[in-house]
N, C-alpha and C. Protein backbone atom coordinates (compact mmCIF):
# COMPACT_ATOMS: atom_id res chain seq x y z
N GLN A 1 -52.12 145.55 46.68
CA GLN A 1 -52.01 144.10 46.89
C GLN A 1 -50.75 143.78 47.71
N GLU A 2 -49.62 144.35 47.32
CA GLU A 2 -48.38 144.08 48.07
C GLU A 2 -48.48 144.59 49.50
N ASN A 3 -49.08 145.76 49.65
CA ASN A 3 -49.26 146.30 51.00
C ASN A 3 -50.11 145.37 51.86
N ARG A 4 -51.16 144.87 51.27
CA ARG A 4 -52.05 143.96 51.99
C ARG A 4 -51.29 142.70 52.42
N GLU A 5 -50.52 142.14 51.51
CA GLU A 5 -49.74 140.94 51.84
C GLU A 5 -48.70 141.23 52.91
N ARG A 6 -48.06 142.39 52.83
CA ARG A 6 -47.06 142.76 53.82
C ARG A 6 -47.71 142.91 55.20
N ARG A 7 -48.87 143.57 55.24
CA ARG A 7 -49.58 143.73 56.52
C ARG A 7 -50.00 142.36 57.07
N TYR A 8 -50.44 141.51 56.18
CA TYR A 8 -50.86 140.17 56.59
C TYR A 8 -49.69 139.40 57.19
N ARG A 9 -48.54 139.43 56.51
CA ARG A 9 -47.35 138.73 57.03
C ARG A 9 -46.92 139.32 58.37
N GLU A 10 -46.97 140.65 58.48
CA GLU A 10 -46.60 141.31 59.74
C GLU A 10 -47.54 140.87 60.86
N ARG A 11 -48.83 140.82 60.57
CA ARG A 11 -49.81 140.39 61.58
C ARG A 11 -49.55 138.93 61.97
N GLU A 12 -49.28 138.10 60.99
CA GLU A 12 -48.97 136.69 61.28
C GLU A 12 -47.75 136.58 62.19
N ARG A 13 -46.73 137.39 61.92
CA ARG A 13 -45.52 137.38 62.73
C ARG A 13 -45.84 137.81 64.17
N GLN A 14 -46.65 138.85 64.31
CA GLN A 14 -47.01 139.33 65.64
C GLN A 14 -47.80 138.26 66.41
N ILE A 15 -48.71 137.61 65.73
CA ILE A 15 -49.51 136.55 66.36
C ILE A 15 -48.59 135.42 66.82
N GLU A 16 -47.65 135.04 65.98
CA GLU A 16 -46.72 133.96 66.34
C GLU A 16 -45.85 134.36 67.52
N GLU A 17 -45.36 135.59 67.53
CA GLU A 17 -44.56 136.06 68.67
C GLU A 17 -45.37 136.03 69.95
N HIS A 18 -46.62 136.47 69.87
CA HIS A 18 -47.49 136.48 71.05
C HIS A 18 -47.73 135.05 71.53
N ARG A 19 -47.98 134.14 70.59
CA ARG A 19 -48.22 132.74 70.96
C ARG A 19 -47.01 132.15 71.66
N LYS A 20 -45.81 132.43 71.12
CA LYS A 20 -44.58 131.92 71.74
C LYS A 20 -44.40 132.50 73.14
N LYS A 21 -44.67 133.79 73.29
CA LYS A 21 -44.53 134.44 74.59
C LYS A 21 -45.49 133.81 75.60
N MET A 22 -46.72 133.59 75.20
CA MET A 22 -47.71 132.98 76.10
C MET A 22 -47.29 131.56 76.48
N GLN A 23 -46.76 130.82 75.52
CA GLN A 23 -46.32 129.46 75.78
C GLN A 23 -45.14 129.46 76.76
N GLU A 24 -44.19 130.37 76.57
CA GLU A 24 -43.04 130.46 77.48
C GLU A 24 -43.49 130.83 78.89
N GLU A 25 -44.45 131.75 79.00
CA GLU A 25 -44.96 132.12 80.31
C GLU A 25 -45.65 130.94 80.99
N GLU A 26 -46.42 130.18 80.23
CA GLU A 26 -47.10 129.01 80.81
C GLU A 26 -46.08 127.97 81.25
N GLU A 27 -45.03 127.75 80.46
CA GLU A 27 -43.99 126.80 80.84
C GLU A 27 -43.28 127.28 82.10
N ALA A 28 -43.04 128.57 82.22
CA ALA A 28 -42.40 129.11 83.43
C ALA A 28 -43.29 128.91 84.64
N ARG A 29 -44.60 129.15 84.48
CA ARG A 29 -45.54 128.91 85.60
C ARG A 29 -45.54 127.44 85.99
N GLU A 30 -45.51 126.56 85.01
CA GLU A 30 -45.52 125.12 85.29
C GLU A 30 -44.25 124.70 86.03
N ARG A 31 -43.10 125.25 85.61
CA ARG A 31 -41.84 124.93 86.31
C ARG A 31 -41.91 125.41 87.76
N LEU A 32 -42.47 126.60 87.96
CA LEU A 32 -42.59 127.14 89.31
C LEU A 32 -43.50 126.27 90.16
N ARG A 33 -44.63 125.84 89.58
CA ARG A 33 -45.54 124.95 90.32
C ARG A 33 -44.82 123.66 90.71
N ASN A 34 -44.07 123.09 89.77
CA ASN A 34 -43.34 121.85 90.06
C ASN A 34 -42.30 122.06 91.15
N GLN A 35 -41.60 123.20 91.14
CA GLN A 35 -40.61 123.48 92.17
C GLN A 35 -41.28 123.59 93.54
N ILE A 36 -42.44 124.23 93.59
CA ILE A 36 -43.16 124.38 94.86
C ILE A 36 -43.60 123.01 95.36
N ILE A 37 -44.11 122.17 94.48
CA ILE A 37 -44.56 120.83 94.87
C ILE A 37 -43.38 120.02 95.39
N ILE A 38 -42.27 120.05 94.67
CA ILE A 38 -41.08 119.28 95.08
C ILE A 38 -40.57 119.79 96.42
N ALA A 39 -40.55 121.09 96.61
CA ALA A 39 -40.04 121.67 97.86
C ALA A 39 -40.93 121.31 99.04
N SER A 40 -42.23 121.11 98.81
CA SER A 40 -43.13 120.84 99.92
C SER A 40 -43.20 119.35 100.27
N GLU A 41 -42.70 118.48 99.40
CA GLU A 41 -42.72 117.05 99.68
C GLU A 41 -41.47 116.64 100.45
N PRO A 42 -41.65 115.85 101.51
CA PRO A 42 -40.45 115.38 102.23
C PRO A 42 -39.67 114.41 101.34
N SER A 43 -38.37 114.51 101.41
CA SER A 43 -37.55 113.60 100.61
C SER A 43 -37.44 112.25 101.32
N ILE A 44 -36.95 111.27 100.62
CA ILE A 44 -36.76 109.94 101.21
C ILE A 44 -35.75 110.04 102.35
N GLU A 45 -34.72 110.88 102.15
CA GLU A 45 -33.73 111.06 103.21
C GLU A 45 -34.38 111.63 104.47
N ASP A 46 -35.28 112.60 104.29
CA ASP A 46 -35.99 113.18 105.43
C ASP A 46 -36.80 112.11 106.15
N LEU A 47 -37.46 111.26 105.39
CA LEU A 47 -38.29 110.22 106.00
C LEU A 47 -37.42 109.22 106.76
N HIS A 48 -36.28 108.84 106.20
CA HIS A 48 -35.37 107.93 106.88
C HIS A 48 -34.82 108.57 108.15
N LEU A 49 -34.48 109.84 108.07
CA LEU A 49 -33.97 110.56 109.23
C LEU A 49 -35.02 110.59 110.34
N ASP A 50 -36.27 110.88 109.98
CA ASP A 50 -37.35 110.88 110.97
C ASP A 50 -37.48 109.51 111.62
N LYS A 51 -37.36 108.44 110.82
CA LYS A 51 -37.47 107.09 111.36
C LYS A 51 -36.32 106.81 112.33
N LYS A 52 -35.11 107.20 111.96
CA LYS A 52 -33.96 106.98 112.84
C LYS A 52 -34.12 107.77 114.13
N GLU A 53 -34.60 109.02 114.02
CA GLU A 53 -34.79 109.84 115.22
C GLU A 53 -35.82 109.20 116.14
N SER A 54 -36.90 108.66 115.58
CA SER A 54 -37.91 108.03 116.42
C SER A 54 -37.37 106.74 117.04
N GLU A 55 -36.52 106.02 116.32
CA GLU A 55 -35.91 104.82 116.89
C GLU A 55 -34.99 105.18 118.05
N VAL A 56 -34.25 106.27 117.91
CA VAL A 56 -33.36 106.73 118.99
C VAL A 56 -34.19 107.11 120.20
N GLU A 57 -35.29 107.84 119.98
CA GLU A 57 -36.16 108.24 121.09
C GLU A 57 -36.74 107.00 121.78
N GLU A 58 -37.13 106.02 120.99
CA GLU A 58 -37.68 104.79 121.56
C GLU A 58 -36.62 104.06 122.38
N ALA A 59 -35.40 103.99 121.88
CA ALA A 59 -34.32 103.34 122.62
C ALA A 59 -34.04 104.09 123.92
N LYS A 60 -34.05 105.41 123.89
CA LYS A 60 -33.85 106.20 125.11
C LYS A 60 -34.93 105.88 126.14
N ALA A 61 -36.17 105.77 125.68
CA ALA A 61 -37.27 105.48 126.60
C ALA A 61 -37.10 104.10 127.23
N ILE A 62 -36.69 103.13 126.44
CA ILE A 62 -36.48 101.77 126.98
C ILE A 62 -35.36 101.78 128.00
N ILE A 63 -34.26 102.46 127.69
CA ILE A 63 -33.13 102.55 128.63
C ILE A 63 -33.56 103.25 129.91
N ALA A 64 -34.35 104.30 129.77
CA ALA A 64 -34.82 105.04 130.95
C ALA A 64 -35.70 104.15 131.82
N GLN A 65 -36.52 103.30 131.22
CA GLN A 65 -37.39 102.41 131.99
C GLN A 65 -36.56 101.39 132.76
N ARG A 66 -35.46 100.94 132.20
CA ARG A 66 -34.63 99.91 132.84
C ARG A 66 -33.79 100.49 133.97
N SER A 67 -33.56 101.79 133.95
CA SER A 67 -32.69 102.40 134.97
C SER A 67 -33.42 102.61 136.27
C-alpha cells in the first residue's frame, strides 16, 4: 500500500513537472511570436519620419519647378 501511494505521488509529481515545462515552452513561443510581430510593425516614429521625408521630397520638387 505504501509503495503504491509513493509511486502514485511520484507519478503526480512527474506529470506536474511536465505540465509546467510545456506551459513554459508555450509562453516562450508566445513571447517570441509577439517579438516578431512587434519587430515587423513600423513604429509611429518610423511613420512620422516617412511623412517628413515625403514632405521634403515634395518641397524639393516644387522648388525645382520654380527654378
